[in-house]
Amino acid sequence: MKLLTNAVRLRPLLLLRRQRSHDTKTARALDPPRQPVPTSAQLDELERNVKLRHHKNNIPLIRSLANEAANGSPDILKRLQLELEQLPNETHPRVLDYGEEPRELAQYKHRELPADTTIKEFSEIARALNLYRMDHLGNYTGHKSYYLMGQLATLEQAIIQYALQAVTSHGFKLISVPDILPREVIESCGMRTEGERTQVYKLDTGECLSGTSEMALAGFFANKLLTEEQLPLKVTAVSRCYRAETSGLQEEKGIYRVHQFNKVEMFAICTAEQSEAELEEFKDTEVDLFRRLGLNFRLLDMPPCELGAPAYQKYDIEAWMPGRKMWGEISSCSNCTDYQAKRLGIRYRRSSDGQVVDAHTINGTATAIPRLLIALLESYQRGDAVEIPTVLRPFMDGQELITRNKRIPETKLVKFIKA
């Protein structure tokens, strides 16, 4: 509790307040406001949070800048503000003692699976049914690329429509978003665009490909002043997501970790008093989505080291993938409190006293297509066919089974020889 109390007191030091410009397209960093220089005791508290979350530790540099800032140099103060901005969000006190392992909150079992000896892995099933291609694409579309064909491509669209129907029934409004975003928006959402370990694709123009529609949805509200009566404001989007993934782990082969994929994302703007309840609603919506799909899955409460920079707390959902014999993450939802809103200038006017305050933001994955396809095909395989979950059949003209695709010819590697 002491950590939480100190963290709340230190919040102005954790996050850089952005001055509000008239440009609502991007959250542009102007001259930073003059914040009080953090004390040594405050920096000790911040460093404990940084280490707890396994974040990059820039506290030694901040200490040095804080000492130099005593003379009030504008350049030093600006550098100090920028370094403070790189610190991670506060950490929910519930997860402080989790160590490095998540807590399993629940397991949901909806299907009896056949013996392990008869279960095939996704790529084996999809290739046998001529519905998928990932081999020999390195010199064509790049590694970690893939084609979905025939009924598997139709199943992808069915999942998207099923998810949209579900989330819009919970009050989410659909927005179509761009895939190309300013670097400032992506970094304000908590994803670094520079450095060796960045997952962001950068364009020659200086802009970036969006890693998730959460970023575009958050950017849509940059520098917006809302009324409290408008909150919680819930939106959803279907988008292509781009990730410069580099994993070579055997268990993450195939379409488990790819450079681009489709996803249905949920995003909400709310008050500080609403944010924890909103996160629970996101979590319950996701659980219901996968329950109705008939998957076996589990709900995890994530430890500090798995929260990234922006999340205050996060739930993950992992489905059992019987062909791979592993749990695989298919969804998550996070409460980012005011971490993103401060950087993007998303504020609202409080009804009680008219004061303008920073909003809170919540995000969650309704469906991330590739991993969900793995879980579905491996769980619903029936010999030489795949059963279609009942809730998806209305979006596939009542079709009950996926069988071998005979309409699209099988593809083979062809060597091009120069004359």
Protein backbone atom coordinates (compact mmCIF):
# COMPACT_ATOMS: atom_id res chain seq x y z
CA MET A 1 0.00 0.00 0.00
CA LYS A 2 2.92 2.34 0.71
CA LEU A 3 4.14 1.80 -2.88
CA LEU A 4 0.71 2.69 -4.26
CA THR A 5 0.44 5.82 -2.10
CA ASN A 6 3.88 7.01 -3.18
CA ALA A 7 3.19 6.14 -6.81
CA VAL A 8 0.01 8.23 -6.81
CA ARG A 9 1.92 11.12 -5.25
CA LEU A 10 4.64 10.73 -7.87
CA ARG A 11 2.31 10.51 -10.85
CA PRO A 12 3.15 14.03 -12.09
CA LEU A 13 6.78 12.91 -12.25
CA LEU A 14 6.05 9.67 -14.08
CA LEU A 15 4.30 11.22 -17.04
CA LEU A 16 5.00 14.26 -19.18
CA ARG A 17 2.02 16.55 -19.60
CA ARG A 18 1.60 17.64 -23.18
CA GLN A 19 0.54 21.19 -23.99
CA ARG A 20 -2.60 21.14 -26.10
CA SER A 21 -2.17 22.25 -29.70
CA HIS A 22 -4.89 22.93 -32.25
CA ASP A 23 -3.71 19.99 -34.32
CA THR A 24 -5.98 17.03 -33.49
CA LYS A 25 -4.21 14.66 -35.88
CA THR A 26 -1.15 14.12 -33.70
CA ALA A 27 -0.06 14.62 -30.11
CA ARG A 28 2.86 16.96 -30.66
CA ALA A 29 5.30 17.49 -27.85
CA LEU A 30 5.75 21.20 -27.26
CA ASP A 31 7.85 22.86 -24.59
CA PRO A 32 7.55 20.67 -21.49
CA PRO A 33 5.91 22.20 -18.40
CA ARG A 34 8.12 22.96 -15.45
CA GLN A 35 7.66 20.09 -13.01
CA PRO A 36 9.30 19.96 -9.59
CA VAL A 37 12.63 18.14 -9.64
CA PRO A 38 12.20 14.69 -8.02
CA THR A 39 13.91 14.11 -4.70
CA SER A 40 16.30 11.24 -4.02
CA ALA A 41 13.62 9.38 -2.03
CA GLN A 42 11.13 9.77 -4.88
CA LEU A 43 13.68 8.48 -7.36
CA ASP A 44 14.30 5.44 -5.12
CA GLU A 45 10.58 4.66 -5.32
CA LEU A 46 10.52 5.10 -9.07
CA GLU A 47 13.54 2.82 -9.47
CA ARG A 48 11.85 0.07 -7.45
CA ASN A 49 8.91 0.19 -9.85
CA VAL A 50 11.23 0.14 -12.88
CA LYS A 51 13.07 -2.94 -11.61
CA LEU A 52 9.83 -4.67 -10.65
CA ARG A 53 8.60 -4.32 -14.22
CA HIS A 54 11.95 -5.27 -15.84
CA HIS A 55 11.91 -1.97 -17.67
CA LYS A 56 14.91 -0.11 -19.05
CA ASN A 57 16.47 1.55 -16.01
CA ASN A 58 17.20 5.16 -16.84
CA ILE A 59 17.05 6.29 -13.20
CA PRO A 60 20.86 6.81 -12.93
CA LEU A 61 20.66 9.32 -15.79
CA ILE A 62 17.57 10.93 -14.22
CA ARG A 63 19.47 11.30 -10.93
CA SER A 64 22.32 13.03 -12.74
CA LEU A 65 19.94 15.35 -14.58
CA ALA A 66 18.05 16.10 -11.38
CA ASN A 67 21.28 17.23 -9.72
CA GLU A 68 22.15 19.43 -12.72
CA ALA A 69 18.64 20.87 -12.83
CA ALA A 70 19.21 22.71 -9.55
CA ASN A 71 20.44 25.73 -11.54
CA GLY A 72 17.17 25.83 -13.48
CA SER A 73 18.71 25.36 -16.92
CA PRO A 74 15.83 25.02 -19.46
CA ASP A 75 17.77 22.49 -21.55
CA ILE A 76 18.51 20.26 -18.54
CA LEU A 77 14.90 20.49 -17.35
CA LYS A 78 13.68 19.50 -20.80
CA ARG A 79 15.99 16.48 -20.91
CA LEU A 80 14.82 15.52 -17.43
CA GLN A 81 11.18 15.69 -18.53
CA LEU A 82 11.88 13.52 -21.56
CA GLU A 83 13.62 10.87 -19.45
CA LEU A 84 10.78 10.88 -16.91
CA GLU A 85 8.39 10.27 -19.77
CA GLN A 86 10.15 6.96 -20.58
CA LEU A 87 9.32 5.49 -17.16
CA PRO A 88 6.59 2.81 -17.01
CA ASN A 89 3.17 3.32 -15.49
CA GLU A 90 2.36 2.60 -11.87
CA THR A 91 1.73 -1.03 -10.91
CA HIS A 92 -1.53 -2.29 -9.39
CA PRO A 93 -0.86 -3.27 -5.75
CA ARG A 94 -2.68 -6.59 -6.29
CA VAL A 95 0.13 -7.92 -8.49
CA LEU A 96 3.16 -6.59 -6.61
CA ASP A 97 3.97 -9.97 -5.03
CA TYR A 98 3.37 -12.09 -8.14
CA GLY A 99 7.07 -12.43 -8.92
CA GLU A 100 7.58 -13.28 -12.59
CA GLU A 101 4.68 -15.69 -13.04
CA PRO A 102 1.03 -14.88 -13.81
CA ARG A 103 -1.78 -16.04 -11.54
CA GLU A 104 -4.30 -18.38 -13.13
CA LEU A 105 -7.75 -17.07 -12.17
CA ALA A 106 -9.91 -19.61 -14.01
CA GLN A 107 -9.92 -22.44 -16.54
CA TYR A 108 -12.78 -22.95 -18.97
CA LYS A 109 -13.23 -26.38 -20.55
CA HIS A 110 -15.83 -26.67 -23.30
CA ARG A 111 -14.60 -29.54 -25.47
CA GLU A 112 -13.55 -33.13 -24.93
CA LEU A 113 -10.53 -33.63 -27.15
CA PRO A 114 -9.52 -36.94 -28.79
CA ALA A 115 -6.36 -38.79 -27.82
CA ASP A 116 -3.14 -36.86 -28.39
CA THR A 117 -1.92 -39.44 -30.89
CA THR A 118 -4.67 -38.50 -33.37
CA ILE A 119 -4.44 -34.70 -33.06
CA LYS A 120 -2.70 -32.80 -35.85
CA GLU A 121 -1.00 -29.41 -35.69
CA PHE A 122 -2.60 -26.45 -37.50
CA SER A 123 -0.23 -26.29 -40.47
CA GLU A 124 -0.62 -30.03 -41.07
CA ILE A 125 -4.41 -29.78 -41.08
CA ALA A 126 -4.50 -26.63 -43.23
CA ARG A 127 -2.05 -28.00 -45.80
CA ALA A 128 -3.92 -31.31 -46.02
CA LEU A 129 -7.10 -29.35 -46.80
CA ASN A 130 -5.25 -27.06 -49.27
CA LEU A 131 -6.29 -23.96 -47.32
CA TYR A 132 -2.98 -22.40 -46.36
CA ARG A 133 0.46 -21.57 -47.69
CA MET A 134 3.48 -20.30 -45.79
CA ASP A 135 6.37 -22.20 -47.38
CA HIS A 136 8.74 -20.70 -49.96
CA LEU A 137 7.58 -17.11 -49.47
CA GLY A 138 10.88 -15.68 -48.22
CA ASN A 139 11.91 -14.20 -51.57
CA TYR A 140 8.36 -13.20 -52.46
CA THR A 141 6.53 -11.63 -49.52
CA GLY A 142 9.15 -12.15 -46.81
CA HIS A 143 9.44 -14.64 -43.98
CA LYS A 144 6.52 -14.97 -41.53
CA SER A 145 4.05 -14.24 -44.33
CA TYR A 146 1.16 -16.49 -45.24
CA TYR A 147 -1.85 -17.05 -47.50
CA LEU A 148 -5.25 -18.21 -46.25
CA MET A 149 -7.34 -19.72 -49.04
CA GLY A 150 -10.86 -20.93 -49.69
CA GLN A 151 -12.88 -21.88 -46.63
CA LEU A 152 -10.10 -20.84 -44.24
CA ALA A 153 -10.21 -17.30 -45.65
CA THR A 154 -13.99 -17.39 -45.30
CA LEU A 155 -13.62 -18.59 -41.70
CA GLU A 156 -11.38 -15.59 -40.99
CA GLN A 157 -14.10 -13.23 -42.18
CA ALA A 158 -16.72 -15.13 -40.16
CA ILE A 159 -14.68 -14.69 -36.99
CA ILE A 160 -14.37 -10.94 -37.63
CA GLN A 161 -18.12 -10.56 -38.17
CA TYR A 162 -18.90 -12.68 -35.10
CA ALA A 163 -16.60 -10.56 -32.93
CA LEU A 164 -18.01 -7.28 -34.27
CA GLN A 165 -21.56 -8.42 -33.65
CA ALA A 166 -20.63 -9.32 -30.08
CA VAL A 167 -18.75 -6.14 -29.14
CA THR A 168 -21.17 -3.73 -30.80
CA SER A 169 -23.98 -5.36 -28.79
CA HIS A 170 -22.01 -4.22 -25.71
CA GLY A 171 -22.12 -0.58 -26.81
CA PHE A 172 -18.87 -0.32 -28.80
CA LYS A 173 -19.08 1.94 -31.86
CA LEU A 174 -17.28 0.79 -35.02
CA ILE A 175 -14.59 3.05 -36.50
CA SER A 176 -12.48 2.34 -39.59
CA VAL A 177 -8.90 3.41 -38.86
CA PRO A 178 -5.69 4.12 -40.84
CA ASP A 179 -2.71 1.74 -40.76
CA ILE A 180 -0.08 4.49 -41.13
CA LEU A 181 0.43 6.65 -38.05
CA PRO A 182 2.78 9.41 -36.85
CA ARG A 183 5.61 8.19 -34.65
CA GLU A 184 4.40 10.47 -31.83
CA VAL A 185 1.07 8.68 -31.56
CA ILE A 186 2.67 5.23 -31.39
CA GLU A 187 5.19 6.31 -28.75
CA SER A 188 2.46 8.08 -26.75
CA CYS A 189 0.62 4.76 -26.60
CA GLY A 190 3.68 3.13 -25.04
CA MET A 191 5.47 1.40 -27.94
CA ARG A 192 9.00 2.52 -28.74
CA THR A 193 9.82 3.23 -32.38
CA GLU A 194 13.60 3.43 -31.96
CA GLY A 195 16.18 0.93 -30.72
CA GLU A 196 17.27 -2.58 -31.60
CA ARG A 197 14.26 -4.33 -30.03
CA THR A 198 11.48 -2.22 -31.52
CA GLN A 199 8.68 -4.14 -33.24
CA VAL A 200 7.60 -1.11 -35.25
CA TYR A 201 7.93 -0.91 -39.03
CA LYS A 202 9.10 2.60 -40.00
CA LEU A 203 8.51 4.17 -43.40
CA ASP A 204 10.87 6.44 -45.31
CA THR A 205 8.47 9.33 -44.63
CA GLY A 206 9.13 9.03 -40.89
CA GLU A 207 5.69 7.60 -40.21
CA CYS A 208 5.08 4.04 -38.98
CA LEU A 209 2.84 1.06 -39.64
CA SER A 210 0.38 0.55 -36.83
CA GLY A 211 1.00 -2.42 -34.53
CA THR A 212 -2.64 -2.45 -33.39
CA SER A 213 -5.71 -0.32 -34.00
CA GLU A 214 -5.57 0.70 -30.33
CA MET A 215 -3.00 3.29 -31.46
CA ALA A 216 -5.19 4.74 -34.21
CA LEU A 217 -8.24 4.77 -31.94
CA ALA A 218 -6.29 6.56 -29.20
CA GLY A 219 -4.84 9.00 -31.74
CA PHE A 220 -8.34 9.81 -33.00
CA PHE A 221 -9.08 11.40 -29.62
CA ALA A 222 -5.74 13.20 -29.25
CA ASN A 223 -6.13 16.73 -27.83
CA LYS A 224 -9.88 16.19 -27.40
CA LEU A 225 -11.77 17.68 -24.46
CA LEU A 226 -14.75 15.46 -23.62
CA THR A 227 -17.54 15.87 -21.12
CA GLU A 228 -17.94 13.46 -18.22
CA GLU A 229 -21.40 12.59 -19.53
CA GLN A 230 -19.79 11.12 -22.67
CA LEU A 231 -17.79 8.60 -20.62
CA PRO A 232 -17.22 5.73 -20.79
CA LEU A 233 -16.77 6.15 -24.54
CA LYS A 234 -16.28 2.74 -26.20
CA VAL A 235 -15.08 2.15 -29.77
CA THR A 236 -13.93 -0.84 -31.82
CA ALA A 237 -12.01 -1.34 -35.06
CA VAL A 238 -10.95 -4.05 -37.49
CA SER A 239 -7.47 -3.48 -38.82
CA ARG A 240 -4.31 -5.02 -40.18
CA CYS A 241 -1.60 -5.13 -37.49
CA TYR A 242 2.11 -4.97 -38.35
CA ARG A 243 4.81 -6.37 -36.08
CA ALA A 244 8.51 -6.74 -36.84
CA GLU A 245 8.62 -10.07 -34.98
CA THR A 246 11.97 -11.85 -34.76
CA SER A 247 11.16 -14.92 -32.68
CA GLY A 248 12.59 -18.20 -33.94
CA LEU A 249 11.23 -20.40 -31.16
CA GLN A 250 9.95 -23.77 -32.36
CA GLU A 251 6.67 -23.40 -30.44
CA GLU A 252 6.03 -20.08 -32.19
CA LYS A 253 6.52 -21.37 -35.73
CA GLY A 254 3.94 -21.05 -38.49
CA ILE A 255 1.28 -18.36 -38.13
CA TYR A 256 1.58 -18.15 -34.33
CA ARG A 257 3.89 -15.12 -34.59
CA VAL A 258 3.76 -13.27 -37.90
CA HIS A 259 4.53 -9.86 -39.37
CA GLN A 260 0.95 -8.94 -40.23
CA PHE A 261 -2.48 -10.12 -39.19
CA ASN A 262 -6.08 -9.00 -38.79
CA LYS A 263 -7.51 -8.14 -35.39
CA VAL A 264 -10.70 -6.78 -33.83
CA GLU A 265 -9.73 -4.34 -31.07
CA MET A 266 -11.77 -2.75 -28.27
CA PHE A 267 -10.85 0.64 -26.80
CA ALA A 268 -12.46 2.83 -24.16
CA ILE A 269 -11.98 6.28 -22.66
CA CYS A 270 -13.32 6.68 -19.15
CA THR A 271 -12.89 8.43 -15.82
CA ALA A 272 -10.45 7.30 -13.13
CA GLU A 273 -13.40 6.04 -11.08
CA GLN A 274 -14.70 3.95 -14.00
CA SER A 275 -11.48 2.39 -15.29
CA GLU A 276 -11.21 -0.72 -13.10
CA ALA A 277 -14.88 -1.61 -13.71
CA GLU A 278 -14.38 -1.05 -17.45
CA LEU A 279 -11.39 -3.42 -17.48
CA GLU A 280 -13.57 -6.08 -15.84
CA GLU A 281 -16.21 -5.54 -18.54
CA PHE A 282 -13.57 -5.95 -21.26
CA LYS A 283 -12.37 -9.15 -19.61
CA ASP A 284 -15.89 -10.55 -19.29
CA THR A 285 -16.63 -9.71 -22.94
CA GLU A 286 -13.52 -11.60 -24.08
CA VAL A 287 -14.31 -14.60 -21.87
CA ASP A 288 -17.83 -14.78 -23.32
CA LEU A 289 -16.49 -14.56 -26.91
CA PHE A 290 -14.23 -17.58 -26.47
CA ARG A 291 -16.72 -19.49 -24.32
CA ARG A 292 -19.30 -19.35 -27.12
CA LEU A 293 -16.62 -20.49 -29.59
CA GLY A 294 -16.32 -23.66 -27.50
CA LEU A 295 -12.59 -23.40 -26.81
CA ASN A 296 -10.69 -24.66 -23.80
CA PHE A 297 -8.92 -21.63 -22.34
CA ARG A 298 -7.65 -20.04 -19.16
CA LEU A 299 -7.68 -16.53 -17.69
CA LEU A 300 -4.42 -15.10 -16.31
CA ASP A 301 -3.67 -12.06 -14.14
CA MET A 302 -0.31 -10.83 -15.39
CA PRO A 303 2.73 -10.01 -13.18
CA PRO A 304 4.55 -6.64 -13.24
CA CYS A 305 7.27 -7.83 -15.64
CA GLU A 306 4.62 -8.64 -18.29
CA LEU A 307 2.81 -5.29 -18.22
CA GLY A 308 4.97 -3.42 -20.73
CA ALA A 309 5.24 0.34 -20.25
CA PRO A 310 1.63 1.60 -20.33
CA ALA A 311 -0.42 -0.99 -18.42
CA TYR A 312 -1.36 -0.61 -14.75
CA GLN A 313 -2.86 -4.10 -14.78
CA LYS A 314 -3.52 -6.68 -17.50
CA TYR A 315 -5.43 -9.91 -18.07
CA ASP A 316 -4.35 -12.48 -20.67
CA ILE A 317 -6.43 -15.30 -22.14
CA GLU A 318 -4.62 -18.41 -23.36
CA ALA A 319 -6.29 -21.14 -25.40
CA TRP A 320 -5.22 -24.77 -25.29
CA MET A 321 -3.76 -25.67 -28.68
CA PRO A 322 -3.87 -29.48 -28.66
CA GLY A 323 -1.85 -29.96 -31.85
CA ARG A 324 1.01 -27.94 -30.38
CA LYS A 325 0.34 -29.27 -26.88
CA MET A 326 0.70 -25.80 -25.39
CA TRP A 327 -1.23 -22.83 -24.06
CA GLY A 328 -1.10 -19.91 -26.51
CA GLU A 329 -2.15 -16.32 -25.87
CA ILE A 330 -5.17 -15.34 -27.97
CA SER A 331 -6.33 -12.20 -26.16
CA SER A 332 -5.51 -9.62 -23.50
CA CYS A 333 -6.97 -6.47 -21.99
CA SER A 334 -5.23 -3.68 -20.09
CA ASN A 335 -6.03 -0.70 -17.91
CA CYS A 336 -3.52 2.00 -18.89
CA THR A 337 -4.98 4.56 -16.41
CA ASP A 338 -3.87 8.04 -17.56
CA TYR A 339 -0.53 6.93 -19.09
CA GLN A 340 -1.67 7.28 -22.71
CA ALA A 341 -4.18 10.06 -22.12
CA LYS A 342 -1.58 12.40 -20.57
CA ARG A 343 0.71 11.97 -23.55
CA LEU A 344 -2.07 12.35 -26.11
CA GLY A 345 -3.95 15.16 -24.38
CA ILE A 346 -7.22 13.20 -23.92
CA ARG A 347 -9.12 15.05 -21.17
CA TYR A 348 -12.64 15.55 -19.89
CA ARG A 349 -14.46 18.21 -17.92
CA ARG A 350 -15.62 16.91 -14.56
CA SER A 351 -19.32 17.49 -13.88
CA SER A 352 -19.01 18.11 -10.16
CA ASP A 353 -16.68 21.13 -10.29
CA GLY A 354 -15.98 21.84 -13.97
CA GLN A 355 -12.29 20.98 -13.59
CA VAL A 356 -10.49 19.59 -16.66
CA VAL A 357 -8.69 16.32 -15.83
CA ASP A 358 -6.89 13.53 -17.70
CA ALA A 359 -8.97 10.57 -18.82
CA HIS A 360 -8.14 6.86 -18.42
CA THR A 361 -7.88 4.42 -21.36
CA ILE A 362 -8.66 0.70 -21.60
CA ASN A 363 -7.80 -1.63 -24.47
CA GLY A 364 -8.57 -5.24 -25.26
CA THR A 365 -8.37 -7.81 -28.07
CA ALA A 366 -11.68 -9.24 -29.19
CA THR A 367 -10.03 -11.51 -31.77
CA ALA A 368 -6.51 -11.85 -33.18
CA ILE A 369 -7.07 -14.05 -36.21
CA PRO A 370 -3.97 -16.29 -36.72
CA ARG A 371 -3.74 -17.67 -33.19
CA LEU A 372 -7.49 -18.08 -32.95
CA LEU A 373 -7.42 -20.08 -36.20
CA ILE A 374 -4.75 -22.35 -34.68
CA ALA A 375 -6.88 -22.98 -31.58
CA LEU A 376 -10.06 -23.56 -33.60
CA LEU A 377 -8.65 -25.92 -36.23
CA GLU A 378 -6.69 -27.96 -33.70
CA SER A 379 -9.67 -28.19 -31.33
CA TYR A 380 -12.37 -28.86 -33.95
CA GLN A 381 -10.55 -31.31 -36.27
CA ARG A 382 -12.55 -34.37 -37.25
CA GLY A 383 -10.40 -36.73 -39.30
CA ASP A 384 -10.12 -35.25 -42.78
CA ALA A 385 -12.38 -32.29 -41.98
CA VAL A 386 -12.81 -29.46 -39.46
CA GLU A 387 -16.09 -28.76 -37.71
CA ILE A 388 -17.21 -25.12 -37.76
CA PRO A 389 -18.26 -23.76 -34.34
CA THR A 390 -22.02 -23.26 -34.14
CA VAL A 391 -21.81 -19.49 -33.53
CA LEU A 392 -19.78 -18.99 -36.73
CA ARG A 393 -22.09 -20.95 -39.06
CA PRO A 394 -24.53 -18.05 -39.66
CA PHE A 395 -21.58 -16.11 -41.12
CA MET A 396 -20.68 -19.05 -43.43
CA ASP A 397 -24.11 -19.67 -44.99
CA GLY A 398 -24.89 -22.41 -42.48
CA GLN A 399 -21.85 -24.51 -43.44
CA GLU A 400 -21.00 -27.12 -40.79
CA LEU A 401 -17.71 -28.60 -42.01
CA ILE A 402 -14.53 -27.41 -43.68
CA THR A 403 -13.34 -30.01 -46.16
CA ARG A 404 -10.55 -30.22 -48.69
CA ASN A 405 -10.38 -27.20 -50.97
CA LYS A 406 -10.55 -28.39 -54.60
CA ARG A 407 -11.26 -25.07 -56.28
CA ILE A 408 -7.85 -23.48 -55.75
CA PRO A 409 -4.98 -25.44 -57.31
CA GLU A 410 -2.18 -26.53 -55.03
CA THR A 411 0.84 -24.24 -55.27
CA LYS A 412 4.34 -25.46 -55.89
CA LEU A 413 7.71 -23.73 -55.79
CA VAL A 414 8.80 -22.68 -59.25
CA LYS A 415 12.36 -21.63 -60.07
CA PHE A 416 12.64 -18.75 -62.48
CA ILE A 417 15.54 -19.17 -64.90
CA LYS A 418 16.86 -16.23 -66.84
CA ALA A 419 17.12 -16.77 -70.58
